[in-house]
């Protein structure tokens, strides 16, 4: 009888651990980061948009933006840390929530680096070491406290020239200029 209780307790323990792990996976924030950075020619800024795709509010959103390059020993070093309009957002509403777009908490937000032209110059293709713009984000689920950290790296090919379309999409309206990003750097 004791042996059956031990075996039963073992399987109940494994099952409860799996259910707890699954609950943490399902409650973590789902923040989508735009697959490209957008250079706004009107003000010379570079922008990255994020959208809360989860069903719950995400809080304590922190970002870090840096231009890194590979050294000859295949390590990374930061060569530029852009000035951001803000590196923190208090909260993002869930995607499905009907919200007041004027005064409510947004579902999407854009982080702005004011020295966009300098970033373009640093990421320009050259014979030197490979360089990338790194966008690192951390966010916490408002109810469970589950936290995520994710990073997107942008090469010169991942830059667009124009402006983000409004709404919960990553579409870009290309600039009216005939020059592409490659011609500007």
N, C-alpha and C. Protein backbone atom coordinates (compact mmCIF):
# COMPACT_ATOMS: atom_id res chain seq x y z
N UNK A 1 0.82 -1.20 0.00
CA UNK A 1 0.00 0.00 0.00
C UNK A 1 0.87 1.26 0.00
N UNK A 2 1.95 1.25 0.78
CA UNK A 2 2.85 2.39 0.81
C UNK A 2 3.50 2.63 -0.54
N UNK A 3 3.82 1.52 -1.22
CA UNK A 3 4.44 1.63 -2.53
C UNK A 3 3.51 2.33 -3.52
N UNK A 4 2.23 2.00 -3.49
CA UNK A 4 1.24 2.63 -4.38
C UNK A 4 1.11 4.11 -4.06
N UNK A 5 1.12 4.47 -2.79
CA UNK A 5 1.05 5.88 -2.40
C UNK A 5 2.28 6.66 -2.87
N UNK A 6 3.44 6.03 -2.79
CA UNK A 6 4.67 6.69 -3.25
C UNK A 6 4.61 6.91 -4.76
N UNK A 7 4.22 5.90 -5.50
CA UNK A 7 4.11 6.02 -6.97
C UNK A 7 3.06 7.06 -7.33
N UNK A 8 1.92 7.00 -6.67
CA UNK A 8 0.85 7.97 -6.93
C UNK A 8 1.31 9.39 -6.61
N UNK A 9 1.98 9.59 -5.49
CA UNK A 9 2.51 10.90 -5.13
C UNK A 9 3.53 11.41 -6.13
N UNK A 10 4.36 10.50 -6.64
CA UNK A 10 5.36 10.86 -7.64
C UNK A 10 4.70 11.41 -8.91
N UNK A 11 3.68 10.69 -9.41
CA UNK A 11 3.02 11.14 -10.64
C UNK A 11 2.18 12.40 -10.42
N UNK A 12 1.58 12.53 -9.25
CA UNK A 12 0.84 13.76 -8.95
C UNK A 12 1.80 14.95 -8.87
N UNK A 13 2.97 14.74 -8.30
CA UNK A 13 3.99 15.80 -8.24
C UNK A 13 4.45 16.22 -9.63
N UNK A 14 4.69 15.25 -10.50
CA UNK A 14 5.10 15.58 -11.88
C UNK A 14 3.98 16.32 -12.60
N UNK A 15 2.76 15.86 -12.46
CA UNK A 15 1.62 16.50 -13.12
C UNK A 15 1.43 17.92 -12.61
N UNK A 16 1.52 18.13 -11.31
CA UNK A 16 1.33 19.48 -10.77
C UNK A 16 2.47 20.41 -11.20
N UNK A 17 3.69 19.90 -11.29
CA UNK A 17 4.82 20.71 -11.78
C UNK A 17 4.58 21.12 -13.23
N UNK A 18 4.10 20.18 -14.04
CA UNK A 18 3.81 20.49 -15.45
C UNK A 18 2.70 21.54 -15.56
N UNK A 19 1.64 21.41 -14.77
CA UNK A 19 0.54 22.37 -14.82
C UNK A 19 1.04 23.76 -14.39
N UNK A 20 1.89 23.83 -13.38
CA UNK A 20 2.44 25.11 -12.93
C UNK A 20 3.32 25.71 -14.02
N UNK A 21 4.18 24.91 -14.64
CA UNK A 21 5.04 25.39 -15.73
C UNK A 21 4.18 25.89 -16.89
N UNK A 22 3.14 25.15 -17.26
CA UNK A 22 2.26 25.55 -18.35
C UNK A 22 1.56 26.87 -18.02
N UNK A 23 1.14 27.05 -16.77
CA UNK A 23 0.49 28.31 -16.36
C UNK A 23 1.46 29.48 -16.51
N UNK A 24 2.72 29.29 -16.15
CA UNK A 24 3.70 30.37 -16.32
C UNK A 24 3.93 30.69 -17.78
N UNK A 25 4.00 29.67 -18.62
CA UNK A 25 4.21 29.89 -20.06
C UNK A 25 3.03 30.64 -20.66
N UNK A 26 1.82 30.27 -20.25
CA UNK A 26 0.63 30.91 -20.83
C UNK A 26 0.39 32.32 -20.30
N UNK A 27 0.96 32.66 -19.14
CA UNK A 27 0.71 33.98 -18.57
C UNK A 27 1.83 34.98 -18.85
N UNK A 28 2.90 34.58 -19.48
CA UNK A 28 3.97 35.54 -19.76
C UNK A 28 3.50 36.55 -20.80
N UNK A 29 4.03 37.75 -20.75
CA UNK A 29 3.65 38.76 -21.75
C UNK A 29 4.05 38.32 -23.16
N UNK A 30 3.24 38.71 -24.11
CA UNK A 30 3.54 38.45 -25.52
C UNK A 30 3.68 39.80 -26.20
N UNK A 31 4.87 40.35 -26.18
CA UNK A 31 5.14 41.65 -26.77
C UNK A 31 5.82 41.44 -28.12
N UNK A 32 5.22 41.94 -29.17
CA UNK A 32 5.82 41.85 -30.51
C UNK A 32 6.65 43.11 -30.77
N UNK A 33 7.85 42.91 -31.28
CA UNK A 33 8.74 44.01 -31.63
C UNK A 33 8.80 44.08 -33.14
N UNK A 34 8.74 45.28 -33.70
CA UNK A 34 8.76 45.42 -35.16
C UNK A 34 10.01 44.75 -35.74
N UNK A 35 9.86 44.09 -36.88
CA UNK A 35 10.99 43.39 -37.49
C UNK A 35 11.98 44.34 -38.16
N UNK A 36 11.68 45.61 -38.15
CA UNK A 36 12.57 46.61 -38.74
C UNK A 36 12.47 47.91 -37.95
N UNK A 37 13.53 48.70 -38.03
CA UNK A 37 13.54 50.04 -37.44
C UNK A 37 13.24 51.01 -38.57
N UNK A 38 12.58 52.11 -38.25
CA UNK A 38 12.16 53.06 -39.28
C UNK A 38 12.81 54.41 -39.05
N UNK A 39 13.47 54.90 -40.09
CA UNK A 39 14.08 56.23 -40.06
C UNK A 39 13.06 57.24 -40.56
N UNK A 40 12.73 58.24 -39.72
CA UNK A 40 11.79 59.30 -40.09
C UNK A 40 12.61 60.47 -40.64
N UNK A 41 12.57 60.72 -41.94
CA UNK A 41 13.39 61.80 -42.50
C UNK A 41 12.95 63.19 -42.04
N UNK A 42 11.70 63.34 -41.63
CA UNK A 42 11.22 64.67 -41.25
C UNK A 42 11.93 65.22 -40.02
N UNK A 43 12.26 64.35 -39.06
CA UNK A 43 12.95 64.82 -37.86
C UNK A 43 14.28 64.12 -37.60
N UNK A 44 14.69 63.22 -38.48
CA UNK A 44 15.98 62.54 -38.34
C UNK A 44 16.01 61.50 -37.23
N UNK A 45 14.85 61.03 -36.80
CA UNK A 45 14.83 60.05 -35.71
C UNK A 45 14.70 58.64 -36.28
N UNK A 46 15.04 57.67 -35.45
CA UNK A 46 14.88 56.25 -35.77
C UNK A 46 13.92 55.67 -34.75
N UNK A 47 12.94 54.89 -35.21
CA UNK A 47 11.87 54.44 -34.32
C UNK A 47 11.68 52.93 -34.40
N UNK A 48 11.33 52.36 -33.23
CA UNK A 48 11.02 50.94 -33.11
C UNK A 48 9.68 50.84 -32.40
N UNK A 49 8.74 50.08 -32.97
CA UNK A 49 7.40 49.95 -32.39
C UNK A 49 7.25 48.59 -31.70
N UNK A 50 6.51 48.59 -30.58
CA UNK A 50 6.16 47.35 -29.91
C UNK A 50 4.65 47.30 -29.74
N UNK A 51 4.10 46.08 -29.74
CA UNK A 51 2.65 45.87 -29.60
C UNK A 51 2.42 44.76 -28.58
N UNK A 52 1.51 44.98 -27.65
CA UNK A 52 1.13 43.95 -26.69
C UNK A 52 0.14 43.02 -27.37
N UNK A 53 0.55 41.78 -27.63
CA UNK A 53 -0.31 40.80 -28.30
C UNK A 53 -0.99 39.86 -27.30
N UNK A 54 -0.70 40.02 -26.01
CA UNK A 54 -1.28 39.11 -25.01
C UNK A 54 -2.67 39.57 -24.61
N UNK A 55 -3.34 38.73 -23.82
CA UNK A 55 -4.70 39.03 -23.40
C UNK A 55 -4.75 39.80 -22.09
N UNK A 56 -3.58 40.06 -21.52
CA UNK A 56 -3.54 40.81 -20.27
C UNK A 56 -2.58 41.97 -20.39
N UNK A 57 -2.73 42.88 -19.47
CA UNK A 57 -1.90 44.07 -19.45
C UNK A 57 -0.43 43.71 -19.16
N UNK A 58 0.48 44.35 -19.86
CA UNK A 58 1.91 44.22 -19.60
C UNK A 58 2.36 45.49 -18.89
N UNK A 59 3.20 45.33 -17.86
CA UNK A 59 3.65 46.48 -17.08
C UNK A 59 5.17 46.49 -16.98
N UNK A 60 5.70 47.60 -16.50
CA UNK A 60 7.14 47.78 -16.29
C UNK A 60 7.93 47.43 -17.55
N UNK A 61 7.60 48.07 -18.65
CA UNK A 61 8.28 47.82 -19.92
C UNK A 61 9.53 48.69 -19.96
N UNK A 62 10.67 48.04 -20.08
CA UNK A 62 11.95 48.74 -20.14
C UNK A 62 12.67 48.32 -21.40
N UNK A 63 13.33 49.28 -22.04
CA UNK A 63 14.08 48.97 -23.26
C UNK A 63 15.49 49.51 -23.17
N UNK A 64 16.35 48.90 -23.96
CA UNK A 64 17.74 49.33 -24.08
C UNK A 64 18.07 49.26 -25.56
N UNK A 65 18.67 50.32 -26.08
CA UNK A 65 19.03 50.40 -27.49
C UNK A 65 20.51 50.71 -27.59
N UNK A 66 21.21 49.96 -28.43
CA UNK A 66 22.66 50.17 -28.58
C UNK A 66 23.10 49.71 -29.96
N UNK A 67 24.14 50.35 -30.48
CA UNK A 67 24.80 49.90 -31.71
C UNK A 67 26.05 49.14 -31.26
N UNK A 68 26.11 47.86 -31.61
CA UNK A 68 27.25 47.02 -31.24
C UNK A 68 27.97 46.56 -32.49
N UNK A 69 29.25 46.21 -32.32
CA UNK A 69 30.02 45.65 -33.42
C UNK A 69 30.79 44.45 -32.92
N UNK A 70 31.11 43.55 -33.86
CA UNK A 70 31.90 42.38 -33.52
C UNK A 70 33.38 42.76 -33.53
N UNK A 71 34.11 42.30 -32.52
CA UNK A 71 35.55 42.53 -32.48
C UNK A 71 36.24 41.38 -33.20
N UNK A 72 37.54 41.50 -33.47
CA UNK A 72 38.25 40.40 -34.13
C UNK A 72 38.20 39.08 -33.36
N UNK A 73 37.96 39.12 -32.06
CA UNK A 73 37.87 37.89 -31.26
C UNK A 73 36.43 37.38 -31.14
N UNK A 74 35.54 37.85 -32.00
CA UNK A 74 34.13 37.46 -32.02
C UNK A 74 33.40 37.75 -30.71
N UNK A 75 33.76 38.85 -30.08
CA UNK A 75 32.99 39.35 -28.95
C UNK A 75 32.31 40.64 -29.41
N UNK A 76 31.32 41.06 -28.66
CA UNK A 76 30.58 42.26 -29.02
C UNK A 76 31.03 43.41 -28.15
N UNK A 77 31.07 44.59 -28.74
CA UNK A 77 31.31 45.79 -27.94
C UNK A 77 30.36 46.88 -28.40
N UNK A 78 29.89 47.67 -27.45
CA UNK A 78 28.96 48.75 -27.74
C UNK A 78 29.75 49.96 -28.21
N UNK A 79 29.37 50.49 -29.38
CA UNK A 79 30.06 51.68 -29.90
C UNK A 79 29.20 52.93 -29.81
N UNK A 80 27.88 52.74 -29.59
CA UNK A 80 27.00 53.91 -29.47
C UNK A 80 25.73 53.51 -28.73
N UNK A 81 25.33 54.34 -27.79
CA UNK A 81 24.06 54.17 -27.09
C UNK A 81 23.19 55.38 -27.42
N UNK A 82 22.20 55.21 -28.30
CA UNK A 82 21.37 56.35 -28.73
C UNK A 82 20.55 56.95 -27.58
N UNK A 83 20.27 58.23 -27.72
CA UNK A 83 19.38 58.92 -26.79
C UNK A 83 17.95 58.59 -27.16
N UNK A 84 17.19 58.04 -26.21
CA UNK A 84 15.80 57.68 -26.45
C UNK A 84 14.87 58.72 -25.84
N UNK A 85 13.66 58.84 -26.43
CA UNK A 85 12.66 59.72 -25.83
C UNK A 85 12.31 59.23 -24.44
N UNK A 86 12.30 57.93 -24.25
CA UNK A 86 12.07 57.31 -22.95
C UNK A 86 12.48 55.85 -23.07
N UNK A 87 13.05 55.30 -22.01
CA UNK A 87 13.39 53.88 -22.05
C UNK A 87 12.46 53.07 -21.15
N UNK A 88 11.31 53.66 -20.76
CA UNK A 88 10.39 53.00 -19.84
C UNK A 88 8.95 53.36 -20.20
N UNK A 89 8.08 52.37 -20.18
CA UNK A 89 6.64 52.59 -20.28
C UNK A 89 6.00 51.88 -19.10
N UNK A 90 5.06 52.55 -18.47
CA UNK A 90 4.42 51.98 -17.29
C UNK A 90 3.59 50.76 -17.64
N UNK A 91 2.80 50.82 -18.73
CA UNK A 91 1.92 49.70 -19.05
C UNK A 91 1.50 49.75 -20.51
N UNK A 92 1.11 48.59 -21.03
CA UNK A 92 0.45 48.46 -22.33
C UNK A 92 -0.81 47.63 -22.12
N UNK A 93 -1.92 48.10 -22.66
CA UNK A 93 -3.19 47.38 -22.54
C UNK A 93 -3.16 46.13 -23.41
N UNK A 94 -4.05 45.17 -23.11
CA UNK A 94 -4.16 43.97 -23.95
C UNK A 94 -4.67 44.32 -25.34
N UNK A 95 -4.35 43.47 -26.29
CA UNK A 95 -4.72 43.73 -27.68
C UNK A 95 -6.23 43.76 -27.89
N UNK A 96 -6.97 42.90 -27.24
CA UNK A 96 -8.40 42.77 -27.50
C UNK A 96 -9.25 43.81 -26.79
N UNK A 97 -8.68 44.57 -25.88
CA UNK A 97 -9.48 45.50 -25.09
C UNK A 97 -9.94 46.69 -25.93
N UNK A 98 -11.23 47.03 -25.81
CA UNK A 98 -11.73 48.26 -26.43
C UNK A 98 -11.22 49.42 -25.59
N UNK A 99 -10.56 50.34 -26.24
CA UNK A 99 -9.93 51.38 -25.45
C UNK A 99 -10.20 52.76 -26.01
N UNK A 100 -10.00 53.73 -25.17
CA UNK A 100 -10.09 55.12 -25.54
C UNK A 100 -8.73 55.54 -26.09
N UNK A 101 -8.62 55.70 -27.41
CA UNK A 101 -7.33 55.97 -28.03
C UNK A 101 -6.76 57.33 -27.63
N UNK A 102 -7.59 58.26 -27.22
CA UNK A 102 -7.07 59.57 -26.84
C UNK A 102 -6.49 59.56 -25.43
N UNK A 103 -7.20 58.97 -24.46
CA UNK A 103 -6.80 59.10 -23.08
C UNK A 103 -6.49 57.78 -22.39
N UNK A 104 -6.75 56.66 -23.01
CA UNK A 104 -6.52 55.37 -22.38
C UNK A 104 -5.06 54.94 -22.46
N UNK A 105 -4.76 53.84 -21.82
CA UNK A 105 -3.42 53.26 -21.90
C UNK A 105 -3.30 52.60 -23.27
N UNK A 106 -2.22 52.86 -24.01
CA UNK A 106 -2.11 52.31 -25.37
C UNK A 106 -1.81 50.82 -25.38
N UNK A 107 -2.13 50.18 -26.50
CA UNK A 107 -1.77 48.78 -26.72
C UNK A 107 -0.42 48.69 -27.42
N UNK A 108 -0.07 49.73 -28.15
CA UNK A 108 1.21 49.79 -28.86
C UNK A 108 1.91 51.10 -28.52
N UNK A 109 3.22 51.09 -28.62
CA UNK A 109 3.99 52.30 -28.41
C UNK A 109 5.23 52.26 -29.27
N UNK A 110 5.80 53.41 -29.49
CA UNK A 110 7.00 53.53 -30.31
C UNK A 110 8.09 54.20 -29.50
N UNK A 111 9.27 53.62 -29.56
CA UNK A 111 10.44 54.20 -28.90
C UNK A 111 11.25 54.95 -29.95
N UNK A 112 11.66 56.16 -29.62
CA UNK A 112 12.29 57.06 -30.58
C UNK A 112 13.73 57.34 -30.17
N UNK A 113 14.66 57.11 -31.10
CA UNK A 113 16.06 57.51 -30.93
C UNK A 113 16.25 58.77 -31.76
N UNK A 114 16.66 59.84 -31.09
CA UNK A 114 16.73 61.14 -31.77
C UNK A 114 17.92 61.26 -32.71
N UNK A 115 18.96 60.47 -32.52
CA UNK A 115 20.13 60.57 -33.39
C UNK A 115 20.11 59.49 -34.47
N UNK A 116 19.01 59.45 -35.21
CA UNK A 116 18.80 58.44 -36.24
C UNK A 116 19.82 58.47 -37.35
N UNK A 117 20.23 59.66 -37.79
CA UNK A 117 21.21 59.75 -38.87
C UNK A 117 22.55 59.16 -38.45
N UNK A 118 22.95 59.40 -37.21
CA UNK A 118 24.20 58.83 -36.72
C UNK A 118 24.12 57.30 -36.70
N UNK A 119 22.95 56.77 -36.31
CA UNK A 119 22.77 55.31 -36.30
C UNK A 119 22.86 54.77 -37.72
N UNK A 120 22.24 55.45 -38.68
CA UNK A 120 22.33 55.02 -40.08
C UNK A 120 23.78 55.00 -40.55
N UNK A 121 24.52 56.03 -40.19
CA UNK A 121 25.93 56.10 -40.59
C UNK A 121 26.73 54.96 -39.98
N UNK A 122 26.47 54.64 -38.72
CA UNK A 122 27.19 53.56 -38.06
C UNK A 122 26.85 52.18 -38.63
N UNK A 123 25.62 52.01 -39.12
CA UNK A 123 25.19 50.72 -39.65
C UNK A 123 25.43 50.57 -41.15
N UNK A 124 25.97 51.61 -41.78
CA UNK A 124 26.21 51.56 -43.22
C UNK A 124 27.15 50.41 -43.56
N UNK A 125 26.87 49.72 -44.66
CA UNK A 125 27.76 48.62 -45.07
C UNK A 125 29.18 49.14 -45.30
N UNK A 126 30.13 48.42 -44.77
CA UNK A 126 31.53 48.81 -44.95
C UNK A 126 32.39 47.56 -44.88
N UNK A 127 33.68 47.76 -45.07
CA UNK A 127 34.59 46.63 -44.99
C UNK A 127 35.00 46.32 -43.55
N UNK A 128 34.55 47.11 -42.62
CA UNK A 128 34.89 46.94 -41.21
C UNK A 128 34.11 45.81 -40.57
N UNK A 129 34.11 45.76 -39.24
CA UNK A 129 33.39 44.70 -38.54
C UNK A 129 31.88 44.84 -38.70
N UNK A 130 31.20 43.71 -38.53
CA UNK A 130 29.74 43.71 -38.63
C UNK A 130 29.14 44.50 -37.47
N UNK A 131 28.17 45.36 -37.78
CA UNK A 131 27.50 46.18 -36.77
C UNK A 131 26.00 45.93 -36.82
N UNK A 132 25.38 45.98 -35.64
CA UNK A 132 23.94 45.80 -35.51
C UNK A 132 23.39 46.77 -34.48
N UNK A 133 22.14 47.17 -34.71
CA UNK A 133 21.38 47.93 -33.73
C UNK A 133 20.62 46.91 -32.88
N UNK A 134 20.87 46.89 -31.57
CA UNK A 134 20.24 45.92 -30.68
C UNK A 134 19.16 46.60 -29.86
N UNK A 135 17.95 46.05 -29.92
CA UNK A 135 16.81 46.54 -29.16
C UNK A 135 16.42 45.45 -28.17
N UNK A 136 16.64 45.71 -26.88
CA UNK A 136 16.35 44.74 -25.83
C UNK A 136 15.18 45.25 -25.00
N UNK A 137 14.21 44.37 -24.75
CA UNK A 137 12.99 44.73 -24.05
C UNK A 137 12.76 43.77 -22.90
N UNK A 138 12.32 44.31 -21.76
CA UNK A 138 11.84 43.46 -20.67
C UNK A 138 10.44 43.95 -20.30
N UNK A 139 9.56 43.00 -20.00
CA UNK A 139 8.17 43.34 -19.64
C UNK A 139 7.66 42.31 -18.65
N UNK A 140 6.67 42.72 -17.84
CA UNK A 140 6.10 41.87 -16.81
C UNK A 140 4.60 41.77 -17.01
N UNK A 141 4.05 40.57 -16.82
CA UNK A 141 2.60 40.40 -16.86
C UNK A 141 2.01 41.01 -15.60
N UNK A 142 0.94 41.79 -15.76
CA UNK A 142 0.37 42.53 -14.64
C UNK A 142 -0.24 41.62 -13.57
N UNK A 143 -0.79 40.48 -13.95
CA UNK A 143 -1.46 39.61 -12.98
C UNK A 143 -0.53 38.57 -12.37
N UNK A 144 0.21 37.86 -13.20
CA UNK A 144 1.01 36.75 -12.70
C UNK A 144 2.40 37.16 -12.24
N UNK A 145 2.90 38.28 -12.75
CA UNK A 145 4.26 38.70 -12.43
C UNK A 145 5.31 38.01 -13.28
N UNK A 146 4.89 37.18 -14.26
CA UNK A 146 5.84 36.51 -15.15
C UNK A 146 6.53 37.57 -16.00
N UNK A 147 7.82 37.42 -16.16
CA UNK A 147 8.62 38.42 -16.86
C UNK A 147 9.29 37.81 -18.08
N UNK A 148 9.43 38.62 -19.13
CA UNK A 148 10.16 38.20 -20.32
C UNK A 148 11.26 39.20 -20.62
N UNK A 149 12.28 38.73 -21.28
CA UNK A 149 13.32 39.58 -21.83
C UNK A 149 13.54 39.08 -23.24
N UNK A 150 13.48 39.98 -24.21
CA UNK A 150 13.70 39.58 -25.60
C UNK A 150 14.50 40.64 -26.32
N UNK A 151 15.17 40.22 -27.38
CA UNK A 151 16.04 41.13 -28.13
C UNK A 151 15.83 40.92 -29.63
N UNK A 152 15.87 42.03 -30.35
CA UNK A 152 15.86 42.02 -31.81
C UNK A 152 17.10 42.78 -32.25
N UNK A 153 17.80 42.23 -33.24
CA UNK A 153 18.95 42.94 -33.78
C UNK A 153 18.62 43.38 -35.20
N UNK A 154 18.98 44.61 -35.50
CA UNK A 154 18.70 45.19 -36.82
C UNK A 154 20.02 45.45 -37.54
N UNK A 155 20.15 44.88 -38.72
CA UNK A 155 21.29 45.21 -39.57
C UNK A 155 20.85 46.35 -40.49
N UNK A 156 21.73 46.76 -41.35
CA UNK A 156 21.39 47.84 -42.29
C UNK A 156 20.20 47.45 -43.18
N UNK A 157 20.09 46.17 -43.49
CA UNK A 157 18.99 45.69 -44.35
C UNK A 157 17.64 45.74 -43.64
N UNK A 158 17.63 45.84 -42.32
CA UNK A 158 16.38 45.87 -41.55
C UNK A 158 15.91 47.29 -41.26
N UNK A 159 16.44 48.27 -41.95
CA UNK A 159 16.02 49.66 -41.75
C UNK A 159 15.08 50.08 -42.87
N UNK A 160 14.05 50.80 -42.53
CA UNK A 160 13.11 51.35 -43.52
C UNK A 160 13.19 52.87 -43.45
N UNK A 161 12.79 53.49 -44.53
CA UNK A 161 12.82 54.94 -44.66
C UNK A 161 11.38 55.41 -44.86
N UNK A 162 10.77 56.00 -43.86
CA UNK A 162 9.38 56.43 -43.96
C UNK A 162 8.80 56.68 -42.59
N UNK A 163 7.58 56.14 -42.36
CA UNK A 163 6.96 56.29 -41.05
C UNK A 163 5.98 55.15 -40.81
N UNK A 164 5.82 54.78 -39.51
CA UNK A 164 4.88 53.72 -39.15
C UNK A 164 3.45 54.18 -39.42
N UNK A 165 2.61 53.24 -39.87
CA UNK A 165 1.19 53.47 -40.04
C UNK A 165 0.56 53.37 -38.65
N UNK A 166 -0.50 54.11 -38.39
CA UNK A 166 -1.18 54.01 -37.10
C UNK A 166 -1.85 52.67 -36.93
N UNK A 167 -2.17 52.34 -35.70
CA UNK A 167 -2.86 51.09 -35.42
C UNK A 167 -1.92 50.03 -34.86
N UNK A 168 -2.43 48.81 -34.81
CA UNK A 168 -1.70 47.71 -34.21
C UNK A 168 -1.01 46.84 -35.26
N UNK A 169 -0.27 47.49 -36.14
CA UNK A 169 0.44 46.80 -37.21
C UNK A 169 1.86 47.36 -37.32
N UNK A 170 2.69 46.65 -38.04
CA UNK A 170 4.07 47.10 -38.26
C UNK A 170 4.27 47.58 -39.70
N UNK A 171 3.23 48.10 -40.31
CA UNK A 171 3.34 48.59 -41.68
C UNK A 171 4.01 49.96 -41.69
N UNK A 172 4.71 50.22 -42.80
CA UNK A 172 5.44 51.48 -42.96
C UNK A 172 5.00 52.14 -44.25
N UNK A 173 4.72 53.44 -44.16
CA UNK A 173 4.49 54.24 -45.35
C UNK A 173 5.86 54.74 -45.77
N UNK A 174 6.28 54.32 -46.95
CA UNK A 174 7.60 54.72 -47.43
C UNK A 174 7.63 56.22 -47.68
N UNK A 175 8.80 56.79 -47.52
CA UNK A 175 9.00 58.22 -47.74
C UNK A 175 8.75 58.56 -49.20
N UNK A 176 8.30 59.80 -49.45
CA UNK A 176 8.10 60.26 -50.82
C UNK A 176 9.41 60.47 -51.55
N UNK A 177 10.50 60.49 -50.80
CA UNK A 177 11.81 60.69 -51.39
C UNK A 177 12.15 59.55 -52.33
N UNK A 178 12.84 59.85 -53.44
CA UNK A 178 13.28 58.82 -54.37
C UNK A 178 14.50 58.09 -53.86
N UNK A 179 15.14 58.62 -52.82
CA UNK A 179 16.33 57.99 -52.29
C UNK A 179 15.95 56.91 -51.30
N UNK A 180 16.69 55.83 -51.31
CA UNK A 180 16.48 54.77 -50.32
C UNK A 180 17.41 55.01 -49.16
N UNK A 181 17.29 54.17 -48.15
CA UNK A 181 18.17 54.31 -47.00
C UNK A 181 19.62 54.15 -47.42
N UNK A 182 19.88 53.23 -48.36
CA UNK A 182 21.24 53.00 -48.80
C UNK A 182 21.85 54.25 -49.43
N UNK A 183 21.05 55.05 -50.14
CA UNK A 183 21.56 56.25 -50.80
C UNK A 183 21.78 57.39 -49.83
N UNK A 184 21.17 57.32 -48.65
CA UNK A 184 21.29 58.41 -47.71
C UNK A 184 22.52 58.31 -46.82
N UNK A 185 23.11 57.14 -46.76
CA UNK A 185 24.26 56.99 -45.87
C UNK A 185 25.56 56.96 -46.62
